[in-house]
């Protein structure tokens, strides 16, 4: 069972920008029996991209749950395998003459800065979306590893946090039914063009189009 994968439509878009992107897809929210998205809202959980694209396949869902159980039951062995796969990814990126980047929370929201793996690979660019305001503030204050970039995720339940963090210069990801030019007075960029959030300018709103189940959202998670 491999942990990292490049078979994600959005991750694959990075190649045209010179990046080889790998992602770790664990089971989101409480699907594994453990909450891997402790700051998820009801709207976020209902609209999760976990079941979009290949995620709709039972084999993919089973694999994500299996990987999550591996993480829960034997953390040390999981991290050892992850480290081995990152080394292999480095070799592949070098062979392809691409820059390696890794998103460890494709559909989860775990504090990877506390698990040591990012610090072992200072030349690899790691990045994630997160909904934990404390982690976002740590990122803004330079307290996370220098090679780890975070974008804060707006949900229907955290607007006050979004506005505060935006005022502090944090980039915010938000899902829109129709993409505006500005939100909260800040320029909205197309977050679907690629997943390379660490290349975004500072102080922007990363606009994401409503996809899959999100198109039926009525919670306010999707901004009309």
C-alpha atoms as a PDB file:
ATOM      1  CA  UNK A   1       0.000   0.000   0.000  1.00  0.00           C
ATOM      2  CA  UNK A   2       1.522   3.284  -1.133  1.00  0.00           C
ATOM      3  CA  UNK A   3       0.863   6.405   0.890  1.00  0.00           C
ATOM      4  CA  UNK A   4       1.706   9.158  -1.597  1.00  0.00           C
ATOM      5  CA  UNK A   5       0.098   9.575  -4.992  1.00  0.00           C
ATOM      6  CA  UNK A   6       0.205  11.884  -8.015  1.00  0.00           C
ATOM      7  CA  UNK A   7      -3.157  10.665  -9.376  1.00  0.00           C
ATOM      8  CA  UNK A   8      -5.159  13.773  -8.579  1.00  0.00           C
ATOM      9  CA  UNK A   9      -6.337  16.094 -11.346  1.00  0.00           C
ATOM     10  CA  UNK A  10      -5.469  19.260  -9.467  1.00  0.00           C
ATOM     11  CA  UNK A  11      -2.075  18.003  -8.312  1.00  0.00           C
ATOM     12  CA  UNK A  12      -1.216  17.028 -11.887  1.00  0.00           C
ATOM     13  CA  UNK A  13      -1.671  20.634 -13.029  1.00  0.00           C
ATOM     14  CA  UNK A  14       1.563  21.537 -11.270  1.00  0.00           C
ATOM     15  CA  UNK A  15       3.735  19.930 -13.939  1.00  0.00           C
ATOM     16  CA  UNK A  16       3.137  22.717 -16.443  1.00  0.00           C
ATOM     17  CA  UNK A  17       4.566  25.101 -13.841  1.00  0.00           C
ATOM     18  CA  UNK A  18       7.640  22.933 -13.269  1.00  0.00           C
ATOM     19  CA  UNK A  19       6.506  21.068 -10.161  1.00  0.00           C
ATOM     20  CA  UNK A  20       5.951  17.391  -9.447  1.00  0.00           C
ATOM     21  CA  UNK A  21       3.172  17.237  -6.873  1.00  0.00           C
ATOM     22  CA  UNK A  22       2.465  14.335  -4.541  1.00  0.00           C
ATOM     23  CA  UNK A  23      -0.421  14.107  -2.110  1.00  0.00           C
ATOM     24  CA  UNK A  24      -1.390  12.038   0.902  1.00  0.00           C
ATOM     25  CA  UNK A  25      -5.109  11.272   0.968  1.00  0.00           C
ATOM     26  CA  UNK A  26      -6.337  10.029   4.324  1.00  0.00           C
ATOM     27  CA  UNK A  27      -9.996   9.565   5.225  1.00  0.00           C
ATOM     28  CA  UNK A  28     -11.430  12.968   6.183  1.00  0.00           C
ATOM     29  CA  UNK A  29     -13.489  13.974   9.197  1.00  0.00           C
ATOM     30  CA  UNK A  30     -14.504  10.890  11.231  1.00  0.00           C
ATOM     31  CA  UNK A  31     -14.714   8.303   8.430  1.00  0.00           C
ATOM     32  CA  UNK A  32     -11.783   6.319   9.850  1.00  0.00           C
ATOM     33  CA  UNK A  33     -13.123   6.336  13.404  1.00  0.00           C
ATOM     34  CA  UNK A  34     -10.759   9.186  14.334  1.00  0.00           C
ATOM     35  CA  UNK A  35     -11.420  12.808  13.511  1.00  0.00           C
ATOM     36  CA  UNK A  36      -8.772  13.845  10.988  1.00  0.00           C
ATOM     37  CA  UNK A  37     -10.486  17.233  10.448  1.00  0.00           C
ATOM     38  CA  UNK A  38     -11.092  18.556  13.975  1.00  0.00           C
ATOM     39  CA  UNK A  39     -12.003  22.040  12.689  1.00  0.00           C
ATOM     40  CA  UNK A  40     -14.451  20.886  10.020  1.00  0.00           C
ATOM     41  CA  UNK A  41     -17.860  22.529   9.915  1.00  0.00           C
ATOM     42  CA  UNK A  42     -21.123  20.824   9.029  1.00  0.00           C
ATOM     43  CA  UNK A  43     -21.067  22.468   5.620  1.00  0.00           C
ATOM     44  CA  UNK A  44     -17.458  21.510   5.005  1.00  0.00           C
ATOM     45  CA  UNK A  45     -18.064  17.875   5.961  1.00  0.00           C
ATOM     46  CA  UNK A  46     -21.131  17.685   3.717  1.00  0.00           C
ATOM     47  CA  UNK A  47     -19.400  19.288   0.731  1.00  0.00           C
ATOM     48  CA  UNK A  48     -16.050  17.500   1.134  1.00  0.00           C
ATOM     49  CA  UNK A  49     -14.206  16.646  -2.078  1.00  0.00           C
ATOM     50  CA  UNK A  50     -13.425  13.211  -0.634  1.00  0.00           C
ATOM     51  CA  UNK A  51     -15.938  11.595  -2.983  1.00  0.00           C
ATOM     52  CA  UNK A  52     -15.220  13.679  -6.094  1.00  0.00           C
ATOM     53  CA  UNK A  53     -13.489  12.242  -9.145  1.00  0.00           C
ATOM     54  CA  UNK A  54     -11.740   8.953  -8.421  1.00  0.00           C
ATOM     55  CA  UNK A  55     -12.746   9.408  -4.778  1.00  0.00           C
ATOM     56  CA  UNK A  56     -16.197   8.132  -5.666  1.00  0.00           C
ATOM     57  CA  UNK A  57     -14.752   4.650  -6.218  1.00  0.00           C
ATOM     58  CA  UNK A  58     -15.105   2.211  -3.330  1.00  0.00           C
ATOM     59  CA  UNK A  59     -11.540   1.029  -3.849  1.00  0.00           C
ATOM     60  CA  UNK A  60     -10.249   4.589  -3.332  1.00  0.00           C
ATOM     61  CA  UNK A  61     -12.382   5.099  -0.235  1.00  0.00           C
ATOM     62  CA  UNK A  62     -11.244   1.784   1.210  1.00  0.00           C
ATOM     63  CA  UNK A  63      -7.597   2.699   0.548  1.00  0.00           C
ATOM     64  CA  UNK A  64      -7.959   6.045   2.316  1.00  0.00           C
ATOM     65  CA  UNK A  65      -9.498   4.393   5.345  1.00  0.00           C
ATOM     66  CA  UNK A  66      -6.816   1.701   5.334  1.00  0.00           C
ATOM     67  CA  UNK A  67      -4.057   4.322   5.267  1.00  0.00           C
ATOM     68  CA  UNK A  68      -5.782   6.208   8.067  1.00  0.00           C
ATOM     69  CA  UNK A  69      -5.957   3.071  10.203  1.00  0.00           C
ATOM     70  CA  UNK A  70      -2.265   2.503   9.545  1.00  0.00           C
ATOM     71  CA  UNK A  71      -1.553   6.045  10.774  1.00  0.00           C
ATOM     72  CA  UNK A  72      -3.673   5.475  13.893  1.00  0.00           C
ATOM     73  CA  UNK A  73      -2.363   2.032  14.825  1.00  0.00           C
ATOM     74  CA  UNK A  74       1.352   2.310  14.058  1.00  0.00           C
ATOM     75  CA  UNK A  75       2.400   5.951  13.730  1.00  0.00           C
ATOM     76  CA  UNK A  76       6.128   5.165  13.749  1.00  0.00           C
ATOM     77  CA  UNK A  77       5.874   2.629  10.909  1.00  0.00           C
ATOM     78  CA  UNK A  78       3.611   4.986   8.954  1.00  0.00           C
ATOM     79  CA  UNK A  79       6.119   7.841   9.206  1.00  0.00           C
ATOM     80  CA  UNK A  80       8.996   5.543   8.278  1.00  0.00           C
ATOM     81  CA  UNK A  81       7.193   4.473   5.114  1.00  0.00           C
ATOM     82  CA  UNK A  82       6.236   8.060   4.343  1.00  0.00           C
ATOM     83  CA  UNK A  83       9.873   9.095   4.655  1.00  0.00           C
ATOM     84  CA  UNK A  84      10.902   6.294   2.268  1.00  0.00           C
ATOM     85  CA  UNK A  85       8.298   7.390  -0.269  1.00  0.00           C
ATOM     86  CA  UNK A  86       9.391  11.034  -0.059  1.00  0.00           C
ATOM     87  CA  UNK A  87      12.964   9.969  -0.817  1.00  0.00           C
ATOM     88  CA  UNK A  88      11.669   8.074  -3.862  1.00  0.00           C
ATOM     89  CA  UNK A  89       9.628  11.118  -4.894  1.00  0.00           C
ATOM     90  CA  UNK A  90      12.765  13.256  -4.692  1.00  0.00           C
ATOM     91  CA  UNK A  91      14.565  10.892  -7.043  1.00  0.00           C
ATOM     92  CA  UNK A  92      11.642  10.906  -9.466  1.00  0.00           C
ATOM     93  CA  UNK A  93      11.398  14.698  -9.468  1.00  0.00           C
ATOM     94  CA  UNK A  94      15.131  15.004 -10.122  1.00  0.00           C
ATOM     95  CA  UNK A  95      14.903  12.536 -13.004  1.00  0.00           C
ATOM     96  CA  UNK A  96      12.019  14.528 -14.509  1.00  0.00           C
ATOM     97  CA  UNK A  97      13.834  17.826 -13.889  1.00  0.00           C
ATOM     98  CA  UNK A  98      10.888  19.069 -11.808  1.00  0.00           C
ATOM     99  CA  UNK A  99      10.696  20.619  -8.343  1.00  0.00           C
ATOM    100  CA  UNK A 100       9.069  18.367  -5.754  1.00  0.00           C
ATOM    101  CA  UNK A 101       6.165  19.588  -3.646  1.00  0.00           C
ATOM    102  CA  UNK A 102       3.970  17.583  -1.298  1.00  0.00           C
ATOM    103  CA  UNK A 103       0.507  18.152   0.169  1.00  0.00           C
ATOM    104  CA  UNK A 104       0.064  15.888   3.180  1.00  0.00           C
ATOM    105  CA  UNK A 105      -3.535  16.943   3.882  1.00  0.00           C
ATOM    106  CA  UNK A 106      -5.346  16.388   0.595  1.00  0.00           C
ATOM    107  CA  UNK A 107      -8.671  15.843   2.379  1.00  0.00           C
ATOM    108  CA  UNK A 108      -7.555  15.860   6.014  1.00  0.00           C
ATOM    109  CA  UNK A 109      -6.366  18.591   8.387  1.00  0.00           C
ATOM    110  CA  UNK A 110      -3.587  17.217  10.582  1.00  0.00           C
ATOM    111  CA  UNK A 111      -0.763  19.280  12.171  1.00  0.00           C
ATOM    112  CA  UNK A 112       2.132  17.740  10.254  1.00  0.00           C
ATOM    113  CA  UNK A 113       4.567  20.271  11.684  1.00  0.00           C
ATOM    114  CA  UNK A 114       4.306  18.322  14.961  1.00  0.00           C
ATOM    115  CA  UNK A 115       5.251  14.968  13.436  1.00  0.00           C
ATOM    116  CA  UNK A 116       8.808  15.715  12.331  1.00  0.00           C
ATOM    117  CA  UNK A 117       8.514  14.562   8.733  1.00  0.00           C
ATOM    118  CA  UNK A 118       8.578  18.050   7.168  1.00  0.00           C
ATOM    119  CA  UNK A 119      11.695  19.010   9.105  1.00  0.00           C
ATOM    120  CA  UNK A 120      13.553  15.996   7.695  1.00  0.00           C
ATOM    121  CA  UNK A 121      13.209  17.302   4.133  1.00  0.00           C
ATOM    122  CA  UNK A 122      14.116  21.016   4.183  1.00  0.00           C
ATOM    123  CA  UNK A 123      14.595  21.084   0.390  1.00  0.00           C
ATOM    124  CA  UNK A 124      11.054  19.816  -0.288  1.00  0.00           C
ATOM    125  CA  UNK A 125       8.164  22.297  -0.445  1.00  0.00           C
ATOM    126  CA  UNK A 126       5.240  21.129   1.678  1.00  0.00           C
ATOM    127  CA  UNK A 127       1.901  22.930   1.679  1.00  0.00           C
ATOM    128  CA  UNK A 128      -1.649  22.525   2.946  1.00  0.00           C
ATOM    129  CA  UNK A 129      -4.986  24.185   3.444  1.00  0.00           C
ATOM    130  CA  UNK A 130      -5.974  24.337   7.104  1.00  0.00           C
ATOM    131  CA  UNK A 131      -8.911  25.483   9.232  1.00  0.00           C
ATOM    132  CA  UNK A 132      -7.055  25.700  12.545  1.00  0.00           C
ATOM    133  CA  UNK A 133      -6.565  29.407  13.370  1.00  0.00           C
ATOM    134  CA  UNK A 134      -3.753  28.661  15.830  1.00  0.00           C
ATOM    135  CA  UNK A 135      -1.767  26.916  13.111  1.00  0.00           C
ATOM    136  CA  UNK A 136      -2.480  29.807  10.745  1.00  0.00           C
ATOM    137  CA  UNK A 137      -1.168  32.326  13.279  1.00  0.00           C
ATOM    138  CA  UNK A 138       1.915  30.176  13.882  1.00  0.00           C
ATOM    139  CA  UNK A 139       2.519  30.224  10.126  1.00  0.00           C
ATOM    140  CA  UNK A 140       2.139  34.009   9.978  1.00  0.00           C
ATOM    141  CA  UNK A 141       4.588  34.416  12.850  1.00  0.00           C
ATOM    142  CA  UNK A 142       7.180  32.181  11.186  1.00  0.00           C
ATOM    143  CA  UNK A 143       6.867  29.438  13.793  1.00  0.00           C
ATOM    144  CA  UNK A 144       6.284  26.611  11.301  1.00  0.00           C
ATOM    145  CA  UNK A 145       9.042  24.990   9.233  1.00  0.00           C
ATOM    146  CA  UNK A 146      10.244  27.361   6.513  1.00  0.00           C
ATOM    147  CA  UNK A 147       9.350  24.795   3.843  1.00  0.00           C
ATOM    148  CA  UNK A 148       5.708  24.463   4.978  1.00  0.00           C
ATOM    149  CA  UNK A 149       3.094  26.832   3.524  1.00  0.00           C
ATOM    150  CA  UNK A 150      -0.467  27.129   4.829  1.00  0.00           C
ATOM    151  CA  UNK A 151      -3.606  28.691   3.359  1.00  0.00           C
ATOM    152  CA  UNK A 152      -6.521  29.193   5.742  1.00  0.00           C
ATOM    153  CA  UNK A 153      -9.860  27.657   4.731  1.00  0.00           C
ATOM    154  CA  UNK A 154     -13.051  29.655   5.069  1.00  0.00           C
ATOM    155  CA  UNK A 155     -16.142  27.795   6.258  1.00  0.00           C
ATOM    156  CA  UNK A 156     -19.657  28.913   7.070  1.00  0.00           C
ATOM    157  CA  UNK A 157     -18.787  28.828  10.780  1.00  0.00           C
ATOM    158  CA  UNK A 158     -15.484  30.745  10.942  1.00  0.00           C
ATOM    159  CA  UNK A 159     -16.116  34.084   9.239  1.00  0.00           C
ATOM    160  CA  UNK A 160     -14.788  36.106  12.196  1.00  0.00           C
ATOM    161  CA  UNK A 161     -11.544  34.117  12.128  1.00  0.00           C
ATOM    162  CA  UNK A 162     -11.319  34.561   8.364  1.00  0.00           C
ATOM    163  CA  UNK A 163     -11.661  38.323   8.612  1.00  0.00           C
ATOM    164  CA  UNK A 164      -9.121  38.552  11.430  1.00  0.00           C
ATOM    165  CA  UNK A 165      -6.557  36.381   9.663  1.00  0.00           C
ATOM    166  CA  UNK A 166      -7.091  38.187   6.363  1.00  0.00           C
ATOM    167  CA  UNK A 167      -6.393  41.473   8.137  1.00  0.00           C
ATOM    168  CA  UNK A 168      -3.129  39.936   9.375  1.00  0.00           C
ATOM    169  CA  UNK A 169      -2.083  39.044   5.823  1.00  0.00           C
ATOM    170  CA  UNK A 170      -3.099  35.372   5.739  1.00  0.00           C
ATOM    171  CA  UNK A 171      -4.200  33.985   2.394  1.00  0.00           C
ATOM    172  CA  UNK A 172      -7.738  32.628   2.568  1.00  0.00           C
ATOM    173  CA  UNK A 173      -9.281  29.861   0.473  1.00  0.00           C
ATOM    174  CA  UNK A 174     -13.009  30.233  -0.110  1.00  0.00           C
ATOM    175  CA  UNK A 175     -15.529  28.344  -2.226  1.00  0.00           C
ATOM    176  CA  UNK A 176     -17.755  30.435  -4.489  1.00  0.00           C
ATOM    177  CA  UNK A 177     -20.821  29.664  -6.576  1.00  0.00           C
ATOM    178  CA  UNK A 178     -19.733  32.494  -8.896  1.00  0.00           C
ATOM    179  CA  UNK A 179     -16.172  33.769  -8.711  1.00  0.00           C
ATOM    180  CA  UNK A 180     -15.963  37.467  -7.788  1.00  0.00           C
ATOM    181  CA  UNK A 181     -13.068  39.816  -8.529  1.00  0.00           C
ATOM    182  CA  UNK A 182     -12.738  40.749  -4.859  1.00  0.00           C
ATOM    183  CA  UNK A 183     -13.786  39.389  -1.468  1.00  0.00           C
ATOM    184  CA  UNK A 184     -13.245  41.165   1.858  1.00  0.00           C
ATOM    185  CA  UNK A 185     -11.658  43.914  -0.183  1.00  0.00           C
ATOM    186  CA  UNK A 186      -8.919  41.594  -1.412  1.00  0.00           C
ATOM    187  CA  UNK A 187      -8.255  40.299  -4.933  1.00  0.00           C
ATOM    188  CA  UNK A 188      -9.607  36.834  -5.711  1.00  0.00           C
ATOM    189  CA  UNK A 189      -7.266  34.553  -7.665  1.00  0.00           C
ATOM    190  CA  UNK A 190      -8.244  31.354  -9.452  1.00  0.00           C
ATOM    191  CA  UNK A 191      -7.310  28.558  -7.050  1.00  0.00           C
ATOM    192  CA  UNK A 192      -8.347  25.922  -9.560  1.00  0.00           C
ATOM    193  CA  UNK A 193      -5.654  26.861 -12.055  1.00  0.00           C
ATOM    194  CA  UNK A 194      -3.196  24.831  -9.994  1.00  0.00           C
ATOM    195  CA  UNK A 195      -2.747  23.585  -6.439  1.00  0.00           C
ATOM    196  CA  UNK A 196       0.562  25.391  -5.924  1.00  0.00           C
ATOM    197  CA  UNK A 197      -0.585  27.635  -3.097  1.00  0.00           C
ATOM    198  CA  UNK A 198       2.958  28.466  -2.014  1.00  0.00           C
ATOM    199  CA  UNK A 199       3.367  30.452  -5.247  1.00  0.00           C
ATOM    200  CA  UNK A 200       0.420  32.743  -4.476  1.00  0.00           C
ATOM    201  CA  UNK A 201       1.077  36.377  -3.682  1.00  0.00           C
ATOM    202  CA  UNK A 202       0.425  37.569  -0.135  1.00  0.00           C
ATOM    203  CA  UNK A 203      -2.925  38.921   0.977  1.00  0.00           C
ATOM    204  CA  UNK A 204      -5.078  37.196  -1.624  1.00  0.00           C
ATOM    205  CA  UNK A 205      -8.289  35.211  -1.559  1.00  0.00           C
ATOM    206  CA  UNK A 206      -7.902  31.824  -3.224  1.00  0.00           C
ATOM    207  CA  UNK A 207     -11.181  31.345  -5.045  1.00  0.00           C
ATOM    208  CA  UNK A 208     -12.364  27.788  -5.569  1.00  0.00           C
ATOM    209  CA  UNK A 209     -15.375  26.863  -7.672  1.00  0.00           C
ATOM    210  CA  UNK A 210     -18.097  24.815  -6.011  1.00  0.00           C
ATOM    211  CA  UNK A 211     -17.692  21.207  -7.144  1.00  0.00           C
ATOM    212  CA  UNK A 212     -19.460  17.916  -6.542  1.00  0.00           C
ATOM    213  CA  UNK A 213     -21.660  17.939  -3.456  1.00  0.00           C
ATOM    214  CA  UNK A 214     -20.725  21.563  -2.793  1.00  0.00           C
ATOM    215  CA  UNK A 215     -22.958  22.606  -5.705  1.00  0.00           C
ATOM    216  CA  UNK A 216     -25.957  21.658  -3.542  1.00  0.00           C
ATOM    217  CA  UNK A 217     -24.725  23.449  -0.417  1.00  0.00           C
ATOM    218  CA  UNK A 218     -27.251  25.457   1.582  1.00  0.00           C
ATOM    219  CA  UNK A 219     -25.198  25.915   4.765  1.00  0.00           C
ATOM    220  CA  UNK A 220     -23.284  28.988   3.647  1.00  0.00           C
ATOM    221  CA  UNK A 221     -20.067  27.041   3.117  1.00  0.00           C
ATOM    222  CA  UNK A 222     -20.319  28.024  -0.559  1.00  0.00           C
ATOM    223  CA  UNK A 223     -20.481  31.805  -0.964  1.00  0.00           C
ATOM    224  CA  UNK A 224     -23.346  32.681  -3.302  1.00  0.00           C
END
